[in-house]
Amino acid sequence: MGERARGYTHLSVGDTGPAISHPLTRTDLVMYAGASGDFNPMHHDEIAAQKAGLPSVFGHGMFTAGLLATAITDYVGIGNLKSYRVRFTKQTWPGEVLTTSVTVREKRAGNEVVLDCSVVNEQGETKIQGEAVAVLR
């Protein structure tokens, strides 16, 4: 596990930020739906999800992206994030433990750091992967 970034000069390629692990619950899905306004029944209605051929309801992709964004800003500091982009690779399911990973891939001129970031479940399946760029002191 890494620690909070102290500044551009103190970071090296390969350094990691602290991981956040979160067990995804159905309550998370309902709370996120209420907060975001995304009431797609695939996220909260078991019967509708099964009628659509799914084994169960699944998590909002943006919930997972938000978990990852929290890990990134915890590491580089609020206000230092220049860009953040992700690709959703697999659905998340209630009962999975989602764990973030943030790793320094590159240091650039102008105090920029490029971060590889992802969220995996306890089986190591990547649920979301992406890249962030931060400008540090």
Protein backbone atom coordinates (compact mmCIF):
# COMPACT_ATOMS: atom_id res chain seq x y z
CA MET A 1 0.00 0.00 0.00
CA GLY A 2 1.24 3.45 -0.82
CA GLU A 3 0.85 6.76 0.93
CA ARG A 4 -0.43 10.21 0.06
CA ALA A 5 1.67 11.96 -2.55
CA ARG A 6 3.89 14.57 -0.90
CA GLY A 7 4.77 16.50 -4.02
CA TYR A 8 6.14 16.09 -7.50
CA THR A 9 9.80 15.77 -6.49
CA HIS A 10 9.01 13.06 -3.93
CA LEU A 11 7.19 10.78 -6.38
CA SER A 12 8.76 8.06 -8.50
CA VAL A 13 7.40 5.95 -11.32
CA GLY A 14 5.85 2.86 -9.72
CA ASP A 15 4.74 4.57 -6.50
CA THR A 16 1.23 3.63 -5.43
CA GLY A 17 -1.55 5.42 -3.63
CA PRO A 18 -3.50 3.88 -0.76
CA ALA A 19 -6.13 1.39 -1.89
CA ILE A 20 -9.76 1.83 -0.95
CA SER A 21 -11.79 -1.37 -0.54
CA HIS A 22 -15.57 -1.21 -0.48
CA PRO A 23 -18.06 -4.08 -0.28
CA LEU A 24 -20.81 -3.20 -2.78
CA THR A 25 -24.27 -3.53 -1.24
CA ARG A 26 -27.80 -3.18 -2.52
CA THR A 27 -28.12 -0.22 -0.18
CA ASP A 28 -25.25 1.45 -2.08
CA LEU A 29 -27.22 0.98 -5.31
CA VAL A 30 -30.39 2.51 -3.89
CA MET A 31 -28.53 5.41 -2.27
CA TYR A 32 -26.60 6.13 -5.47
CA ALA A 33 -29.80 6.00 -7.52
CA GLY A 34 -31.36 8.57 -5.21
CA ALA A 35 -28.31 10.82 -5.26
CA SER A 36 -27.73 10.63 -9.02
CA GLY A 37 -31.29 10.34 -10.28
CA ASP A 38 -30.32 7.17 -12.21
CA PHE A 39 -33.33 4.95 -11.50
CA ASN A 40 -32.67 2.41 -14.22
CA PRO A 41 -34.43 -0.70 -12.87
CA MET A 42 -31.38 -2.83 -13.71
CA HIS A 43 -29.76 -1.26 -10.64
CA HIS A 44 -32.53 -1.87 -8.10
CA ASP A 45 -35.32 -4.15 -9.41
CA GLU A 46 -34.34 -7.82 -9.14
CA ILE A 47 -37.34 -9.04 -11.14
CA ALA A 48 -36.74 -6.59 -14.00
CA ALA A 49 -33.04 -7.45 -14.07
CA GLN A 50 -33.75 -11.19 -14.26
CA LYS A 51 -36.40 -10.64 -16.95
CA ALA A 52 -33.70 -8.88 -18.96
CA GLY A 53 -31.53 -12.01 -18.68
CA LEU A 54 -29.23 -10.78 -15.92
CA PRO A 55 -28.46 -12.86 -12.84
CA SER A 56 -29.26 -9.93 -10.55
CA VAL A 57 -29.18 -6.15 -10.30
CA PHE A 58 -25.78 -4.58 -10.98
CA GLY A 59 -23.93 -1.51 -9.80
CA HIS A 60 -23.89 1.89 -11.44
CA GLY A 61 -20.70 2.39 -13.41
CA MET A 62 -20.41 5.94 -12.14
CA PHE A 63 -20.52 4.70 -8.53
CA THR A 64 -17.37 2.70 -9.29
CA ALA A 65 -15.83 5.67 -11.13
CA GLY A 66 -16.56 7.81 -8.08
CA LEU A 67 -14.88 5.31 -5.76
CA LEU A 68 -11.80 5.41 -7.98
CA ALA A 69 -11.86 9.22 -8.19
CA THR A 70 -11.90 9.34 -4.39
CA ALA A 71 -8.79 7.15 -4.24
CA ILE A 72 -7.05 9.39 -6.79
CA THR A 73 -7.85 12.67 -5.05
CA ASP A 74 -6.99 11.16 -1.65
CA TYR A 75 -3.55 10.47 -3.16
CA VAL A 76 -2.85 13.64 -5.18
CA GLY A 77 -5.02 16.09 -3.24
CA ILE A 78 -8.24 17.87 -4.06
CA GLY A 79 -7.80 20.51 -6.73
CA ASN A 80 -4.71 18.90 -8.27
CA LEU A 81 -6.47 16.61 -10.74
CA LYS A 82 -6.13 17.87 -14.33
CA SER A 83 -7.88 15.02 -16.14
CA TYR A 84 -9.54 11.71 -15.39
CA ARG A 85 -10.85 9.19 -17.88
CA VAL A 86 -12.04 5.64 -17.44
CA ARG A 87 -13.26 2.66 -19.39
CA PHE A 88 -15.86 0.36 -17.88
CA THR A 89 -14.76 -3.24 -18.43
CA LYS A 90 -17.18 -5.39 -16.40
CA GLN A 91 -20.34 -4.97 -14.39
CA THR A 92 -20.20 -4.82 -10.61
CA TRP A 93 -22.48 -6.99 -8.49
CA PRO A 94 -23.78 -6.64 -4.94
CA GLY A 95 -21.59 -8.65 -2.59
CA GLU A 96 -18.35 -7.96 -4.46
CA VAL A 97 -15.54 -6.17 -2.68
CA LEU A 98 -14.27 -3.41 -4.97
CA THR A 99 -10.66 -2.30 -4.47
CA THR A 100 -8.93 0.67 -6.09
CA SER A 101 -5.40 0.83 -7.45
CA VAL A 102 -3.52 4.05 -8.30
CA THR A 103 0.06 3.85 -9.64
CA VAL A 104 2.40 6.54 -10.95
CA ARG A 105 3.12 5.64 -14.58
CA GLU A 106 4.98 8.74 -15.73
CA LYS A 107 6.33 12.08 -14.57
CA ARG A 108 6.12 14.96 -17.05
CA ALA A 109 7.39 18.51 -17.25
CA GLY A 110 5.26 21.07 -15.49
CA ASN A 111 4.94 18.92 -12.34
CA GLU A 112 2.47 16.59 -14.06
CA VAL A 113 2.14 12.97 -13.02
CA VAL A 114 0.27 10.36 -15.04
CA LEU A 115 -1.50 7.73 -12.98
CA ASP A 116 -2.73 4.31 -14.04
CA CYS A 117 -5.84 3.52 -12.06
CA SER A 118 -8.32 0.67 -11.78
CA VAL A 119 -10.91 -1.04 -9.64
CA VAL A 120 -10.90 -4.81 -9.25
CA ASN A 121 -13.03 -7.28 -7.32
CA GLU A 122 -11.73 -9.86 -4.88
CA GLN A 123 -11.11 -12.33 -7.74
CA GLY A 124 -8.90 -9.76 -9.46
CA GLU A 125 -11.39 -9.03 -12.27
CA THR A 126 -10.93 -5.48 -13.53
CA LYS A 127 -14.21 -3.60 -13.36
CA ILE A 128 -12.96 -0.20 -14.48
CA GLN A 129 -9.59 1.06 -15.67
CA GLY A 130 -8.35 4.46 -16.53
CA GLU A 131 -5.82 7.22 -16.43
CA ALA A 132 -5.55 10.38 -14.42
CA VAL A 133 -3.21 13.34 -14.75
CA ALA A 134 -2.44 15.53 -11.76
CA VAL A 135 -0.33 18.66 -11.34
CA LEU A 136 1.50 18.64 -8.03
CA ARG A 137 3.51 21.17 -6.03
